[in-house]
Amino acid sequence: MEVTIGVQNVARELSLETDASAEEVASAIDAALSDGGVLRLTDSKGRQILVPGRALGWVQVGESEKGRVGFGQI
């Protein structure tokens, strides 16, 4: 699952690949926003990403897209 996080007052976004489901990521986001706590996600390599709930600008959750190879029609 690919997750992209926009942080307030930061020009660059955070992108990570996680083994968690979309529901697990959504519940972690909801908990961080409702409690004013910290969004804590673990990427597929085992590293933890921590973002304060108050600093979240936006979060995009979606399936990772496989790279295309060759000449295909769009």
C-alpha atoms as a PDB file:
ATOM      1  CA  MET A   1       0.000   0.000   0.000  1.00  0.00           C
ATOM      2  CA  GLU A   2       1.421   3.379  -0.977  1.00  0.00           C
ATOM      3  CA  VAL A   3       0.836   6.286   1.419  1.00  0.00           C
ATOM      4  CA  THR A   4       1.696   9.913   0.640  1.00  0.00           C
ATOM      5  CA  ILE A   5       1.536  12.469   3.447  1.00  0.00           C
ATOM      6  CA  GLY A   6       1.467  16.239   3.113  1.00  0.00           C
ATOM      7  CA  VAL A   7       2.764  18.057   6.184  1.00  0.00           C
ATOM      8  CA  GLN A   8       1.734  21.654   6.896  1.00  0.00           C
ATOM      9  CA  ASN A   9       4.395  24.291   6.181  1.00  0.00           C
ATOM     10  CA  VAL A  10       6.673  21.713   4.519  1.00  0.00           C
ATOM     11  CA  ALA A  11       7.153  21.900   0.757  1.00  0.00           C
ATOM     12  CA  ARG A  12       8.062  18.251   0.298  1.00  0.00           C
ATOM     13  CA  GLU A  13       5.667  15.363   0.866  1.00  0.00           C
ATOM     14  CA  LEU A  14       6.433  12.048   2.576  1.00  0.00           C
ATOM     15  CA  SER A  15       5.921   8.856   0.579  1.00  0.00           C
ATOM     16  CA  LEU A  16       6.145   5.358   1.938  1.00  0.00           C
ATOM     17  CA  GLU A  17       5.250   1.805   1.030  1.00  0.00           C
ATOM     18  CA  THR A  18       3.592  -0.150   3.831  1.00  0.00           C
ATOM     19  CA  ASP A  19       2.291  -3.680   4.292  1.00  0.00           C
ATOM     20  CA  ALA A  20      -0.717  -2.383   6.280  1.00  0.00           C
ATOM     21  CA  SER A  21      -4.180  -2.425   4.712  1.00  0.00           C
ATOM     22  CA  ALA A  22      -6.059   0.720   3.720  1.00  0.00           C
ATOM     23  CA  GLU A  23      -8.381   0.263   6.707  1.00  0.00           C
ATOM     24  CA  GLU A  24      -5.451   0.072   9.142  1.00  0.00           C
ATOM     25  CA  VAL A  25      -3.895   3.219   7.692  1.00  0.00           C
ATOM     26  CA  ALA A  26      -7.238   5.055   7.783  1.00  0.00           C
ATOM     27  CA  SER A  27      -7.823   4.112  11.421  1.00  0.00           C
ATOM     28  CA  ALA A  28      -4.309   5.305  12.353  1.00  0.00           C
ATOM     29  CA  ILE A  29      -5.013   8.636  10.622  1.00  0.00           C
ATOM     30  CA  ASP A  30      -8.389   8.983  12.361  1.00  0.00           C
ATOM     31  CA  ALA A  31      -6.812   8.289  15.755  1.00  0.00           C
ATOM     32  CA  ALA A  32      -4.038  10.847  15.188  1.00  0.00           C
ATOM     33  CA  LEU A  33      -6.524  13.515  14.119  1.00  0.00           C
ATOM     34  CA  SER A  34      -9.130  12.906  16.808  1.00  0.00           C
ATOM     35  CA  ASP A  35      -6.750  12.725  19.770  1.00  0.00           C
ATOM     36  CA  GLY A  36      -4.306  15.339  18.535  1.00  0.00           C
ATOM     37  CA  GLY A  37      -1.746  12.574  18.834  1.00  0.00           C
ATOM     38  CA  VAL A  38       0.864  11.214  16.484  1.00  0.00           C
ATOM     39  CA  LEU A  39       0.377   9.365  13.203  1.00  0.00           C
ATOM     40  CA  ARG A  40       2.650   6.321  13.462  1.00  0.00           C
ATOM     41  CA  LEU A  41       3.130   4.164  10.359  1.00  0.00           C
ATOM     42  CA  THR A  42       5.649   1.399   9.675  1.00  0.00           C
ATOM     43  CA  ASP A  43       6.975   1.058   6.140  1.00  0.00           C
ATOM     44  CA  SER A  44       7.684  -2.216   4.356  1.00  0.00           C
ATOM     45  CA  LYS A  45      11.341  -2.121   5.519  1.00  0.00           C
ATOM     46  CA  GLY A  46      10.366  -1.877   9.195  1.00  0.00           C
ATOM     47  CA  ARG A  47      11.132   1.835   9.647  1.00  0.00           C
ATOM     48  CA  GLN A  48       8.648   3.950  11.608  1.00  0.00           C
ATOM     49  CA  ILE A  49       7.345   7.280  10.347  1.00  0.00           C
ATOM     50  CA  LEU A  50       5.938   9.628  13.003  1.00  0.00           C
ATOM     51  CA  VAL A  51       3.974  12.775  12.127  1.00  0.00           C
ATOM     52  CA  PRO A  52       2.182  14.948  14.702  1.00  0.00           C
ATOM     53  CA  GLY A  53      -1.577  14.888  14.085  1.00  0.00           C
ATOM     54  CA  ARG A  54      -1.761  18.696  14.253  1.00  0.00           C
ATOM     55  CA  ALA A  55       0.781  18.978  11.412  1.00  0.00           C
ATOM     56  CA  LEU A  56      -1.072  16.745   8.918  1.00  0.00           C
ATOM     57  CA  GLY A  57      -2.139  18.637   5.809  1.00  0.00           C
ATOM     58  CA  TRP A  58      -3.440  15.729   3.706  1.00  0.00           C
ATOM     59  CA  VAL A  59      -2.950  11.989   3.288  1.00  0.00           C
ATOM     60  CA  GLN A  60      -3.344   9.954   0.101  1.00  0.00           C
ATOM     61  CA  VAL A  61      -3.815   6.216   0.509  1.00  0.00           C
ATOM     62  CA  GLY A  62      -3.790   3.944  -2.523  1.00  0.00           C
ATOM     63  CA  GLU A  63      -2.475   0.810  -4.117  1.00  0.00           C
ATOM     64  CA  SER A  64       1.082   0.961  -5.363  1.00  0.00           C
ATOM     65  CA  GLU A  65       1.297   1.190  -9.122  1.00  0.00           C
ATOM     66  CA  LYS A  66       3.647  -1.167 -10.883  1.00  0.00           C
ATOM     67  CA  GLY A  67       6.067   0.467 -13.304  1.00  0.00           C
ATOM     68  CA  ARG A  68       5.172   0.029 -16.935  1.00  0.00           C
ATOM     69  CA  VAL A  69       7.694  -1.429 -19.326  1.00  0.00           C
ATOM     70  CA  GLY A  70       7.601  -1.309 -23.102  1.00  0.00           C
ATOM     71  CA  PHE A  71       5.447   0.462 -25.624  1.00  0.00           C
ATOM     72  CA  GLY A  72       1.825   0.288 -24.594  1.00  0.00           C
ATOM     73  CA  GLN A  73      -1.181   2.322 -25.467  1.00  0.00           C
ATOM     74  CA  ILE A  74      -2.605   4.576 -22.839  1.00  0.00           C
END
